[in-house]
Amino acid sequence: METIARTQTVIRFREDILNRAKYKAKQRNMSLNAFLEDVVAQAVKPEIPKLPKDFKIDPVIASFGSLIPAFTPEQLAADDRLAYIVGKGGE
């Protein structure tokens, strides 16, 4: 299981918003921290969706992969589009 680094921070909320967040977290059987992290993650997720695994990229575009520098396996795993462009998608 991958360990995710987290940074402790202090955020100020209006009391009514915090109370509603606590209530929602409890409804979902989540900690307040996990609930807020999930809400923020959804709010800042990339606007371009990931490509489906069966997506076929144009061979001309795929040939540009040799012009792109090497990426780490972590970078390729995090971005399906990038993986397809450099010819590592669907493996």
C-alpha atoms as a PDB file:
ATOM      1  CA  MET A   1       0.000   0.000   0.000  1.00  0.00           C
ATOM      2  CA  GLU A   2       1.330   3.401  -0.989  1.00  0.00           C
ATOM      3  CA  THR A   3       1.957   5.931   1.762  1.00  0.00           C
ATOM      4  CA  ILE A   4       0.615   9.382   0.952  1.00  0.00           C
ATOM      5  CA  ALA A   5       2.483  12.345   2.420  1.00  0.00           C
ATOM      6  CA  ARG A   6       0.261  14.838   4.164  1.00  0.00           C
ATOM      7  CA  THR A   7       0.971  18.295   5.515  1.00  0.00           C
ATOM      8  CA  GLN A   8      -0.709  19.574   8.635  1.00  0.00           C
ATOM      9  CA  THR A   9      -2.300  22.987   8.221  1.00  0.00           C
ATOM     10  CA  VAL A  10      -4.741  25.300   9.926  1.00  0.00           C
ATOM     11  CA  ILE A  11      -7.817  26.520   8.078  1.00  0.00           C
ATOM     12  CA  ARG A  12     -10.503  28.809   9.437  1.00  0.00           C
ATOM     13  CA  PHE A  13     -14.136  28.065   8.603  1.00  0.00           C
ATOM     14  CA  ARG A  14     -17.359  29.801   9.401  1.00  0.00           C
ATOM     15  CA  GLU A  15     -18.954  27.889  12.249  1.00  0.00           C
ATOM     16  CA  ASP A  16     -22.101  27.002  10.289  1.00  0.00           C
ATOM     17  CA  ILE A  17     -20.079  25.570   7.393  1.00  0.00           C
ATOM     18  CA  LEU A  18     -17.877  23.572   9.748  1.00  0.00           C
ATOM     19  CA  ASN A  19     -20.921  22.150  11.521  1.00  0.00           C
ATOM     20  CA  ARG A  20     -22.467  21.097   8.210  1.00  0.00           C
ATOM     21  CA  ALA A  21     -19.193  19.502   7.131  1.00  0.00           C
ATOM     22  CA  LYS A  22     -19.011  17.560  10.408  1.00  0.00           C
ATOM     23  CA  TYR A  23     -22.589  16.397   9.904  1.00  0.00           C
ATOM     24  CA  LYS A  24     -21.913  15.271   6.313  1.00  0.00           C
ATOM     25  CA  ALA A  25     -18.732  13.482   7.391  1.00  0.00           C
ATOM     26  CA  LYS A  26     -20.631  11.636  10.116  1.00  0.00           C
ATOM     27  CA  GLN A  27     -23.376  10.669   7.625  1.00  0.00           C
ATOM     28  CA  ARG A  28     -20.731   9.137   5.364  1.00  0.00           C
ATOM     29  CA  ASN A  29     -18.966   7.470   8.294  1.00  0.00           C
ATOM     30  CA  MET A  30     -15.805   9.474   7.576  1.00  0.00           C
ATOM     31  CA  SER A  31     -13.527  11.604   9.669  1.00  0.00           C
ATOM     32  CA  LEU A  32     -13.846  15.339   9.160  1.00  0.00           C
ATOM     33  CA  ASN A  33     -10.325  15.382   7.737  1.00  0.00           C
ATOM     34  CA  ALA A  34     -11.082  12.626   5.205  1.00  0.00           C
ATOM     35  CA  PHE A  35     -14.351  14.304   4.218  1.00  0.00           C
ATOM     36  CA  LEU A  36     -12.747  17.709   3.669  1.00  0.00           C
ATOM     37  CA  GLU A  37      -9.840  16.160   1.777  1.00  0.00           C
ATOM     38  CA  ASP A  38     -12.313  14.361  -0.497  1.00  0.00           C
ATOM     39  CA  VAL A  39     -14.345  17.530  -1.104  1.00  0.00           C
ATOM     40  CA  VAL A  40     -11.238  19.570  -1.932  1.00  0.00           C
ATOM     41  CA  ALA A  41      -9.828  16.791  -4.152  1.00  0.00           C
ATOM     42  CA  GLN A  42     -13.070  16.784  -6.161  1.00  0.00           C
ATOM     43  CA  ALA A  43     -12.977  20.575  -6.442  1.00  0.00           C
ATOM     44  CA  VAL A  44      -9.422  20.669  -7.806  1.00  0.00           C
ATOM     45  CA  LYS A  45      -9.382  17.511  -9.938  1.00  0.00           C
ATOM     46  CA  PRO A  46      -8.144  17.958 -13.518  1.00  0.00           C
ATOM     47  CA  GLU A  47     -10.822  19.152 -15.896  1.00  0.00           C
ATOM     48  CA  ILE A  48      -9.623  16.894 -18.715  1.00  0.00           C
ATOM     49  CA  PRO A  49     -10.847  13.336 -18.055  1.00  0.00           C
ATOM     50  CA  LYS A  50      -8.522  10.353 -18.323  1.00  0.00           C
ATOM     51  CA  LEU A  51      -8.668   8.389 -21.541  1.00  0.00           C
ATOM     52  CA  PRO A  52     -10.290   4.965 -21.523  1.00  0.00           C
ATOM     53  CA  LYS A  53      -7.864   2.013 -21.624  1.00  0.00           C
ATOM     54  CA  ASP A  54      -9.071   1.027 -25.111  1.00  0.00           C
ATOM     55  CA  PHE A  55      -8.443   4.523 -26.544  1.00  0.00           C
ATOM     56  CA  LYS A  56      -6.471   4.339 -29.801  1.00  0.00           C
ATOM     57  CA  ILE A  57      -4.184   7.285 -30.425  1.00  0.00           C
ATOM     58  CA  ASP A  58      -3.403   8.353 -33.983  1.00  0.00           C
ATOM     59  CA  PRO A  59      -0.068   6.782 -35.064  1.00  0.00           C
ATOM     60  CA  VAL A  60       1.222  10.160 -36.266  1.00  0.00           C
ATOM     61  CA  ILE A  61       0.642  11.648 -32.825  1.00  0.00           C
ATOM     62  CA  ALA A  62       2.104   8.561 -31.153  1.00  0.00           C
ATOM     63  CA  SER A  63       5.275   8.998 -33.233  1.00  0.00           C
ATOM     64  CA  PHE A  64       5.876  12.292 -31.421  1.00  0.00           C
ATOM     65  CA  GLY A  65       6.607  10.212 -28.318  1.00  0.00           C
ATOM     66  CA  SER A  66      10.250   9.937 -29.303  1.00  0.00           C
ATOM     67  CA  LEU A  67      10.542  13.732 -29.022  1.00  0.00           C
ATOM     68  CA  ILE A  68       9.367  13.746 -25.413  1.00  0.00           C
ATOM     69  CA  PRO A  69      11.890  13.183 -22.604  1.00  0.00           C
ATOM     70  CA  ALA A  70      11.687  10.118 -20.378  1.00  0.00           C
ATOM     71  CA  PHE A  71       9.072  10.237 -17.616  1.00  0.00           C
ATOM     72  CA  THR A  72       9.061   8.366 -14.341  1.00  0.00           C
ATOM     73  CA  PRO A  73       6.692   5.409 -13.892  1.00  0.00           C
ATOM     74  CA  GLU A  74       4.836   7.489 -11.289  1.00  0.00           C
ATOM     75  CA  GLN A  75       4.224  10.294 -13.786  1.00  0.00           C
ATOM     76  CA  LEU A  76       2.990   7.831 -16.404  1.00  0.00           C
ATOM     77  CA  ALA A  77       0.715   6.062 -13.910  1.00  0.00           C
ATOM     78  CA  ALA A  78      -0.808   9.389 -12.875  1.00  0.00           C
ATOM     79  CA  ASP A  79      -1.659  10.527 -16.417  1.00  0.00           C
ATOM     80  CA  ASP A  80      -3.111   8.042 -18.924  1.00  0.00           C
ATOM     81  CA  ARG A  81      -2.906  10.574 -21.739  1.00  0.00           C
ATOM     82  CA  LEU A  82       0.800  11.048 -21.168  1.00  0.00           C
ATOM     83  CA  ALA A  83       1.310   7.284 -21.018  1.00  0.00           C
ATOM     84  CA  TYR A  84      -0.398   6.839 -24.390  1.00  0.00           C
ATOM     85  CA  ILE A  85       1.560   9.659 -25.984  1.00  0.00           C
ATOM     86  CA  VAL A  86       4.884   8.135 -24.987  1.00  0.00           C
ATOM     87  CA  GLY A  87       3.742   4.631 -25.914  1.00  0.00           C
ATOM     88  CA  LYS A  88       3.369   3.189 -22.399  1.00  0.00           C
ATOM     89  CA  GLY A  89      -0.416   3.148 -22.190  1.00  0.00           C
ATOM     90  CA  GLY A  90      -2.432   0.025 -21.541  1.00  0.00           C
ATOM     91  CA  GLU A  91       0.489  -2.028 -20.317  1.00  0.00           C
END
